[in-house]
Amino acid sequence: LRQAIAGTEDCEIEDITVRVRPMPADGRPAIGPL
């Protein structure tokens, strides 16, 4: 970020969120009766 955008040199990380994101195996939505 600091390399890409001027004026961010003093930015610091305030919060980190780590999550596992659900994904059907073929990458497409899965919606309907089962």
ModelCIF file with pLDDT and N, C-alpha, C, O atoms, coordinates in Angstrom:
data_MODEL
#
_entry.id   MODEL 
#
_entity.id                         1 
_entity.type                       polymer 
_entity.pdbx_number_of_molecules   1 
#
_entity_poly.entity_id                      1 
_entity_poly.type                           'polypeptide(L)' 
_entity_poly.nstd_linkage                   no 
_entity_poly.nstd_monomer                   no 
_entity_poly.pdbx_seq_one_letter_code       LRQAIAGTEDCEIEDITVRVRPMPADGRPAIGPL 
_entity_poly.pdbx_seq_one_letter_code_can   LRQAIAGTEDCEIEDITVRVRPMPADGRPAIGPL 
_entity_poly.pdbx_strand_id                 A 
#
loop_
_entity_poly_seq.entity_id 
_entity_poly_seq.num 
_entity_poly_seq.mon_id 
_entity_poly_seq.hetero 
1 1  LEU n 
1 2  ARG n 
1 3  GLN n 
1 4  ALA n 
1 5  ILE n 
1 6  ALA n 
1 7  GLY n 
1 8  THR n 
1 9  GLU n 
1 10 ASP n 
1 11 CYS n 
1 12 GLU n 
1 13 ILE n 
1 14 GLU n 
1 15 ASP n 
1 16 ILE n 
1 17 THR n 
1 18 VAL n 
1 19 ARG n 
1 20 VAL n 
1 21 ARG n 
1 22 PRO n 
1 23 MET n 
1 24 PRO n 
1 25 ALA n 
1 26 ASP n 
1 27 GLY n 
1 28 ARG n 
1 29 PRO n 
1 30 ALA n 
1 31 ILE n 
1 32 GLY n 
1 33 PRO n 
1 34 LEU n 
#
_struct_asym.id          A 
_struct_asym.entity_id   1 
#
loop_
_ma_qa_metric.id 
_ma_qa_metric.mode 
_ma_qa_metric.name 
_ma_qa_metric.software_group_id 
_ma_qa_metric.type 
1 global pLDDT . pLDDT 
2 local  pLDDT . pLDDT 
#
_ma_qa_metric_global.metric_id      1 
_ma_qa_metric_global.metric_value   95.26 
_ma_qa_metric_global.model_id       1 
_ma_qa_metric_global.ordinal_id     1 
#
loop_
_ma_qa_metric_local.label_asym_id 
_ma_qa_metric_local.label_comp_id 
_ma_qa_metric_local.label_seq_id 
_ma_qa_metric_local.metric_id 
_ma_qa_metric_local.metric_value 
_ma_qa_metric_local.model_id 
_ma_qa_metric_local.ordinal_id 
A LEU 1  2 97.00 1 1  
A ARG 2  2 97.00 1 2  
A GLN 3  2 97.00 1 3  
A ALA 4  2 97.00 1 4  
A ILE 5  2 97.00 1 5  
A ALA 6  2 97.00 1 6  
A GLY 7  2 97.00 1 7  
A THR 8  2 97.00 1 8  
A GLU 9  2 96.00 1 9  
A ASP 10 2 95.00 1 10 
A CYS 11 2 97.00 1 11 
A GLU 12 2 98.00 1 12 
A ILE 13 2 97.00 1 13 
A GLU 14 2 97.00 1 14 
A ASP 15 2 96.00 1 15 
A ILE 16 2 95.00 1 16 
A THR 17 2 94.00 1 17 
A VAL 18 2 93.00 1 18 
A ARG 19 2 92.00 1 19 
A VAL 20 2 91.00 1 20 
A ARG 21 2 92.00 1 21 
A PRO 22 2 94.00 1 22 
A MET 23 2 93.00 1 23 
A PRO 24 2 95.00 1 24 
A ALA 25 2 94.00 1 25 
A ASP 26 2 92.00 1 26 
A GLY 27 2 89.00 1 27 
A ARG 28 2 91.00 1 28 
A PRO 29 2 94.00 1 29 
A ALA 30 2 97.00 1 30 
A ILE 31 2 98.00 1 31 
A GLY 32 2 98.00 1 32 
A PRO 33 2 98.00 1 33 
A LEU 34 2 97.00 1 34 
#
loop_
_atom_site.group_PDB 
_atom_site.id 
_atom_site.type_symbol 
_atom_site.label_atom_id 
_atom_site.label_alt_id 
_atom_site.label_comp_id 
_atom_site.label_asym_id 
_atom_site.label_entity_id 
_atom_site.label_seq_id 
_atom_site.pdbx_PDB_ins_code 
_atom_site.Cartn_x 
_atom_site.Cartn_y 
_atom_site.Cartn_z 
_atom_site.occupancy 
_atom_site.B_iso_or_equiv 
_atom_site.pdbx_formal_charge 
_atom_site.auth_seq_id 
_atom_site.auth_comp_id 
_atom_site.auth_asym_id 
_atom_site.auth_atom_id 
_atom_site.pdbx_PDB_model_num 
ATOM 1   N N  . LEU A 1 1  ? 0.833   -1.205  0.000  1.00 97.00 ? 1  LEU A N  1 
ATOM 2   C CA . LEU A 1 1  ? 0.000   0.000   0.000  1.00 97.00 ? 1  LEU A CA 1 
ATOM 3   C C  . LEU A 1 1  ? 0.865   1.251   0.000  1.00 97.00 ? 1  LEU A C  1 
ATOM 4   O O  . LEU A 1 1  ? 0.616   2.179   -0.770 1.00 97.00 ? 1  LEU A O  1 
ATOM 5   N N  . ARG A 1 2  ? 1.882   1.283   0.861  1.00 97.00 ? 2  ARG A N  1 
ATOM 6   C CA . ARG A 1 2  ? 2.758   2.455   0.950  1.00 97.00 ? 2  ARG A CA 1 
ATOM 7   C C  . ARG A 1 2  ? 3.502   2.700   -0.364 1.00 97.00 ? 2  ARG A C  1 
ATOM 8   O O  . ARG A 1 2  ? 3.773   3.845   -0.725 1.00 97.00 ? 2  ARG A O  1 
ATOM 9   N N  . GLN A 1 3  ? 3.829   1.620   -1.077 1.00 97.00 ? 3  GLN A N  1 
ATOM 10  C CA . GLN A 1 3  ? 4.514   1.766   -2.352 1.00 97.00 ? 3  GLN A CA 1 
ATOM 11  C C  . GLN A 1 3  ? 3.569   2.209   -3.461 1.00 97.00 ? 3  GLN A C  1 
ATOM 12  O O  . GLN A 1 3  ? 3.987   2.870   -4.411 1.00 97.00 ? 3  GLN A O  1 
ATOM 13  N N  . ALA A 1 4  ? 2.310   1.850   -3.342 1.00 97.00 ? 4  ALA A N  1 
ATOM 14  C CA . ALA A 1 4  ? 1.363   2.118   -4.430 1.00 97.00 ? 4  ALA A CA 1 
ATOM 15  C C  . ALA A 1 4  ? 0.687   3.472   -4.330 1.00 97.00 ? 4  ALA A C  1 
ATOM 16  O O  . ALA A 1 4  ? 0.319   4.055   -5.349 1.00 97.00 ? 4  ALA A O  1 
ATOM 17  N N  . ILE A 1 5  ? 0.515   3.988   -3.099 1.00 97.00 ? 5  ILE A N  1 
ATOM 18  C CA . ILE A 1 5  ? -0.279  5.197   -2.911 1.00 97.00 ? 5  ILE A CA 1 
ATOM 19  C C  . ILE A 1 5  ? 0.489   6.192   -2.045 1.00 97.00 ? 5  ILE A C  1 
ATOM 20  O O  . ILE A 1 5  ? 0.833   5.895   -0.901 1.00 97.00 ? 5  ILE A O  1 
ATOM 21  N N  . ALA A 1 6  ? 0.752   7.362   -2.594 1.00 97.00 ? 6  ALA A N  1 
ATOM 22  C CA . ALA A 1 6  ? 1.426   8.417   -1.830 1.00 97.00 ? 6  ALA A CA 1 
ATOM 23  C C  . ALA A 1 6  ? 0.527   8.894   -0.697 1.00 97.00 ? 6  ALA A C  1 
ATOM 24  O O  . ALA A 1 6  ? -0.698  8.912   -0.819 1.00 97.00 ? 6  ALA A O  1 
ATOM 25  N N  . GLY A 1 7  ? 1.156   9.278   0.402  1.00 97.00 ? 7  GLY A N  1 
ATOM 26  C CA . GLY A 1 7  ? 0.390   9.756   1.542  1.00 97.00 ? 7  GLY A CA 1 
ATOM 27  C C  . GLY A 1 7  ? -0.019  8.659   2.500  1.00 97.00 ? 7  GLY A C  1 
ATOM 28  O O  . GLY A 1 7  ? -0.743  8.910   3.464  1.00 97.00 ? 7  GLY A O  1 
ATOM 29  N N  . THR A 1 8  ? 0.442   7.438   2.242  1.00 97.00 ? 8  THR A N  1 
ATOM 30  C CA . THR A 1 8  ? 0.132   6.327   3.152  1.00 97.00 ? 8  THR A CA 1 
ATOM 31  C C  . THR A 1 8  ? 1.351   5.907   3.967  1.00 97.00 ? 8  THR A C  1 
ATOM 32  O O  . THR A 1 8  ? 1.326   4.888   4.657  1.00 97.00 ? 8  THR A O  1 
ATOM 33  N N  . GLU A 1 9  ? 2.424   6.703   3.882  1.00 96.00 ? 9  GLU A N  1 
ATOM 34  C CA . GLU A 1 9  ? 3.665   6.319   4.558  1.00 96.00 ? 9  GLU A CA 1 
ATOM 35  C C  . GLU A 1 9  ? 3.487   6.183   6.067  1.00 96.00 ? 9  GLU A C  1 
ATOM 36  O O  . GLU A 1 9  ? 4.171   5.384   6.707  1.00 96.00 ? 9  GLU A O  1 
ATOM 37  N N  . ASP A 1 10 ? 2.574   6.957   6.631  1.00 95.00 ? 10 ASP A N  1 
ATOM 38  C CA . ASP A 1 10 ? 2.354   6.905   8.071  1.00 95.00 ? 10 ASP A CA 1 
ATOM 39  C C  . ASP A 1 10 ? 1.212   5.975   8.473  1.00 95.00 ? 10 ASP A C  1 
ATOM 40  O O  . ASP A 1 10 ? 0.911   5.840   9.659  1.00 95.00 ? 10 ASP A O  1 
ATOM 41  N N  . CYS A 1 11 ? 0.578   5.337   7.496  1.00 97.00 ? 11 CYS A N  1 
ATOM 42  C CA . CYS A 1 11 ? -0.498  4.389   7.811  1.00 97.00 ? 11 CYS A CA 1 
ATOM 43  C C  . CYS A 1 11 ? 0.076   3.175   8.553  1.00 97.00 ? 11 CYS A C  1 
ATOM 44  O O  . CYS A 1 11 ? 1.158   2.685   8.230  1.00 97.00 ? 11 CYS A O  1 
ATOM 45  N N  . GLU A 1 12 ? -0.656  2.721   9.524  1.00 98.00 ? 12 GLU A N  1 
ATOM 46  C CA . GLU A 1 12 ? -0.291  1.519   10.265 1.00 98.00 ? 12 GLU A CA 1 
ATOM 47  C C  . GLU A 1 12 ? -1.489  0.570   10.293 1.00 98.00 ? 12 GLU A C  1 
ATOM 48  O O  . GLU A 1 12 ? -2.637  0.993   10.156 1.00 98.00 ? 12 GLU A O  1 
ATOM 49  N N  . ILE A 1 13 ? -1.202  -0.702  10.471 1.00 97.00 ? 13 ILE A N  1 
ATOM 50  C CA . ILE A 1 13 ? -2.276  -1.679  10.584 1.00 97.00 ? 13 ILE A CA 1 
ATOM 51  C C  . ILE A 1 13 ? -2.984  -1.498  11.925 1.00 97.00 ? 13 ILE A C  1 
ATOM 52  O O  . ILE A 1 13 ? -2.352  -1.550  12.980 1.00 97.00 ? 13 ILE A O  1 
ATOM 53  N N  . GLU A 1 14 ? -4.279  -1.288  11.879 1.00 97.00 ? 14 GLU A N  1 
ATOM 54  C CA . GLU A 1 14 ? -5.070  -1.140  13.100 1.00 97.00 ? 14 GLU A CA 1 
ATOM 55  C C  . GLU A 1 14 ? -5.851  -2.402  13.445 1.00 97.00 ? 14 GLU A C  1 
ATOM 56  O O  . GLU A 1 14 ? -6.135  -2.664  14.614 1.00 97.00 ? 14 GLU A O  1 
ATOM 57  N N  . ASP A 1 15 ? -6.194  -3.179  12.429 1.00 96.00 ? 15 ASP A N  1 
ATOM 58  C CA . ASP A 1 15 ? -7.006  -4.370  12.697 1.00 96.00 ? 15 ASP A CA 1 
ATOM 59  C C  . ASP A 1 15 ? -6.766  -5.397  11.598 1.00 96.00 ? 15 ASP A C  1 
ATOM 60  O O  . ASP A 1 15 ? -6.641  -5.049  10.424 1.00 96.00 ? 15 ASP A O  1 
ATOM 61  N N  . ILE A 1 16 ? -6.703  -6.657  11.992 1.00 95.00 ? 16 ILE A N  1 
ATOM 62  C CA . ILE A 1 16 ? -6.536  -7.755  11.050 1.00 95.00 ? 16 ILE A CA 1 
ATOM 63  C C  . ILE A 1 16 ? -7.697  -8.728  11.244 1.00 95.00 ? 16 ILE A C  1 
ATOM 64  O O  . ILE A 1 16 ? -7.984  -9.150  12.364 1.00 95.00 ? 16 ILE A O  1 
ATOM 65  N N  . THR A 1 17 ? -8.352  -9.074  10.155 1.00 94.00 ? 17 THR A N  1 
ATOM 66  C CA . THR A 1 17 ? -9.421  -10.065 10.199 1.00 94.00 ? 17 THR A CA 1 
ATOM 67  C C  . THR A 1 17 ? -9.035  -11.218 9.296  1.00 94.00 ? 17 THR A C  1 
ATOM 68  O O  . THR A 1 17 ? -8.781  -11.027 8.107  1.00 94.00 ? 17 THR A O  1 
ATOM 69  N N  . VAL A 1 18 ? -8.993  -12.414 9.860  1.00 93.00 ? 18 VAL A N  1 
ATOM 70  C CA . VAL A 1 18 ? -8.648  -13.617 9.110  1.00 93.00 ? 18 VAL A CA 1 
ATOM 71  C C  . VAL A 1 18 ? -9.856  -14.546 9.120  1.00 93.00 ? 18 VAL A C  1 
ATOM 72  O O  . VAL A 1 18 ? -10.393 -14.862 10.182 1.00 93.00 ? 18 VAL A O  1 
ATOM 73  N N  . ARG A 1 19 ? -10.273 -14.974 7.960  1.00 92.00 ? 19 ARG A N  1 
ATOM 74  C CA . ARG A 1 19 ? -11.440 -15.848 7.850  1.00 92.00 ? 19 ARG A CA 1 
ATOM 75  C C  . ARG A 1 19 ? -11.202 -16.887 6.759  1.00 92.00 ? 19 ARG A C  1 
ATOM 76  O O  . ARG A 1 19 ? -10.453 -16.659 5.809  1.00 92.00 ? 19 ARG A O  1 
ATOM 77  N N  . VAL A 1 20 ? -11.856 -18.027 6.919  1.00 91.00 ? 20 VAL A N  1 
ATOM 78  C CA . VAL A 1 20 ? -11.932 -19.013 5.847  1.00 91.00 ? 20 VAL A CA 1 
ATOM 79  C C  . VAL A 1 20 ? -13.218 -18.747 5.090  1.00 91.00 ? 20 VAL A C  1 
ATOM 80  O O  . VAL A 1 20 ? -14.300 -18.722 5.677  1.00 91.00 ? 20 VAL A O  1 
ATOM 81  N N  . ARG A 1 21 ? -13.101 -18.550 3.799  1.00 92.00 ? 21 ARG A N  1 
ATOM 82  C CA . ARG A 1 21 ? -14.243 -18.161 2.980  1.00 92.00 ? 21 ARG A CA 1 
ATOM 83  C C  . ARG A 1 21 ? -14.850 -19.395 2.317  1.00 92.00 ? 21 ARG A C  1 
ATOM 84  O O  . ARG A 1 21 ? -14.136 -20.148 1.655  1.00 92.00 ? 21 ARG A O  1 
ATOM 85  N N  . PRO A 1 22 ? -16.148 -19.614 2.483  1.00 94.00 ? 22 PRO A N  1 
ATOM 86  C CA . PRO A 1 22 ? -16.776 -20.813 1.909  1.00 94.00 ? 22 PRO A CA 1 
ATOM 87  C C  . PRO A 1 22 ? -16.790 -20.766 0.394  1.00 94.00 ? 22 PRO A C  1 
ATOM 88  O O  . PRO A 1 22 ? -17.045 -19.724 -0.209 1.00 94.00 ? 22 PRO A O  1 
ATOM 89  N N  . MET A 1 23 ? -16.511 -21.922 -0.215 1.00 93.00 ? 23 MET A N  1 
ATOM 90  C CA . MET A 1 23 ? -16.460 -21.996 -1.670 1.00 93.00 ? 23 MET A CA 1 
ATOM 91  C C  . MET A 1 23 ? -16.858 -23.405 -2.119 1.00 93.00 ? 23 MET A C  1 
ATOM 92  O O  . MET A 1 23 ? -16.168 -24.366 -1.776 1.00 93.00 ? 23 MET A O  1 
ATOM 93  N N  . PRO A 1 24 ? -17.946 -23.556 -2.872 1.00 95.00 ? 24 PRO A N  1 
ATOM 94  C CA . PRO A 1 24 ? -18.210 -24.864 -3.484 1.00 95.00 ? 24 PRO A CA 1 
ATOM 95  C C  . PRO A 1 24 ? -17.010 -25.306 -4.310 1.00 95.00 ? 24 PRO A C  1 
ATOM 96  O O  . PRO A 1 24 ? -16.269 -24.476 -4.835 1.00 95.00 ? 24 PRO A O  1 
ATOM 97  N N  . ALA A 1 25 ? -16.826 -26.605 -4.419 1.00 94.00 ? 25 ALA A N  1 
ATOM 98  C CA . ALA A 1 25 ? -15.587 -27.144 -4.982 1.00 94.00 ? 25 ALA A CA 1 
ATOM 99  C C  . ALA A 1 25 ? -15.310 -26.677 -6.394 1.00 94.00 ? 25 ALA A C  1 
ATOM 100 O O  . ALA A 1 25 ? -14.147 -26.553 -6.776 1.00 94.00 ? 25 ALA A O  1 
ATOM 101 N N  . ASP A 1 26 ? -16.347 -26.412 -7.190 1.00 92.00 ? 26 ASP A N  1 
ATOM 102 C CA . ASP A 1 26 ? -16.109 -25.973 -8.564 1.00 92.00 ? 26 ASP A CA 1 
ATOM 103 C C  . ASP A 1 26 ? -16.151 -24.460 -8.718 1.00 92.00 ? 26 ASP A C  1 
ATOM 104 O O  . ASP A 1 26 ? -16.116 -23.953 -9.840 1.00 92.00 ? 26 ASP A O  1 
ATOM 105 N N  . GLY A 1 27 ? -16.224 -23.735 -7.615 1.00 89.00 ? 27 GLY A N  1 
ATOM 106 C CA . GLY A 1 27 ? -16.143 -22.279 -7.642 1.00 89.00 ? 27 GLY A CA 1 
ATOM 107 C C  . GLY A 1 27 ? -17.427 -21.561 -7.981 1.00 89.00 ? 27 GLY A C  1 
ATOM 108 O O  . GLY A 1 27 ? -17.464 -20.331 -7.968 1.00 89.00 ? 27 GLY A O  1 
ATOM 109 N N  . ARG A 1 28 ? -18.490 -22.304 -8.287 1.00 91.00 ? 28 ARG A N  1 
ATOM 110 C CA . ARG A 1 28 ? -19.751 -21.678 -8.668 1.00 91.00 ? 28 ARG A CA 1 
ATOM 111 C C  . ARG A 1 28 ? -20.766 -21.769 -7.533 1.00 91.00 ? 28 ARG A C  1 
ATOM 112 O O  . ARG A 1 28 ? -20.597 -22.580 -6.622 1.00 91.00 ? 28 ARG A O  1 
ATOM 113 N N  . PRO A 1 29 ? -21.811 -20.956 -7.574 1.00 94.00 ? 29 PRO A N  1 
ATOM 114 C CA . PRO A 1 29 ? -22.819 -21.025 -6.514 1.00 94.00 ? 29 PRO A CA 1 
ATOM 115 C C  . PRO A 1 29 ? -23.467 -22.401 -6.440 1.00 94.00 ? 29 PRO A C  1 
ATOM 116 O O  . PRO A 1 29 ? -23.543 -23.129 -7.430 1.00 94.00 ? 29 PRO A O  1 
ATOM 117 N N  . ALA A 1 30 ? -23.927 -22.735 -5.248 1.00 97.00 ? 30 ALA A N  1 
ATOM 118 C CA . ALA A 1 30 ? -24.716 -23.952 -5.032 1.00 97.00 ? 30 ALA A CA 1 
ATOM 119 C C  . ALA A 1 30 ? -25.973 -23.528 -4.297 1.00 97.00 ? 30 ALA A C  1 
ATOM 120 O O  . ALA A 1 30 ? -25.921 -23.178 -3.118 1.00 97.00 ? 30 ALA A O  1 
ATOM 121 N N  . ILE A 1 31 ? -27.103 -23.557 -4.988 1.00 98.00 ? 31 ILE A N  1 
ATOM 122 C CA . ILE A 1 31 ? -28.342 -23.017 -4.440 1.00 98.00 ? 31 ILE A CA 1 
ATOM 123 C C  . ILE A 1 31 ? -29.502 -23.906 -4.866 1.00 98.00 ? 31 ILE A C  1 
ATOM 124 O O  . ILE A 1 31 ? -29.715 -24.131 -6.057 1.00 98.00 ? 31 ILE A O  1 
ATOM 125 N N  . GLY A 1 32 ? -30.255 -24.413 -3.884 1.00 98.00 ? 32 GLY A N  1 
ATOM 126 C CA . GLY A 1 32 ? -31.434 -25.183 -4.221 1.00 98.00 ? 32 GLY A CA 1 
ATOM 127 C C  . GLY A 1 32 ? -31.706 -26.309 -3.251 1.00 98.00 ? 32 GLY A C  1 
ATOM 128 O O  . GLY A 1 32 ? -30.970 -26.485 -2.279 1.00 98.00 ? 32 GLY A O  1 
ATOM 129 N N  . PRO A 1 33 ? -32.766 -27.082 -3.504 1.00 98.00 ? 33 PRO A N  1 
ATOM 130 C CA . PRO A 1 33 ? -33.119 -28.206 -2.631 1.00 98.00 ? 33 PRO A CA 1 
ATOM 131 C C  . PRO A 1 33 ? -32.046 -29.287 -2.673 1.00 98.00 ? 33 PRO A C  1 
ATOM 132 O O  . PRO A 1 33 ? -31.383 -29.487 -3.690 1.00 98.00 ? 33 PRO A O  1 
ATOM 133 N N  . LEU A 1 34 ? -31.888 -29.977 -1.551 1.00 97.00 ? 34 LEU A N  1 
ATOM 134 C CA . LEU A 1 34 ? -30.934 -31.079 -1.477 1.00 97.00 ? 34 LEU A CA 1 
ATOM 135 C C  . LEU A 1 34 ? -31.391 -32.030 -0.382 1.00 97.00 ? 34 LEU A C  1 
ATOM 136 O O  . LEU A 1 34 ? -30.739 -33.044 -0.133 1.00 97.00 ? 34 LEU A O  1 
#
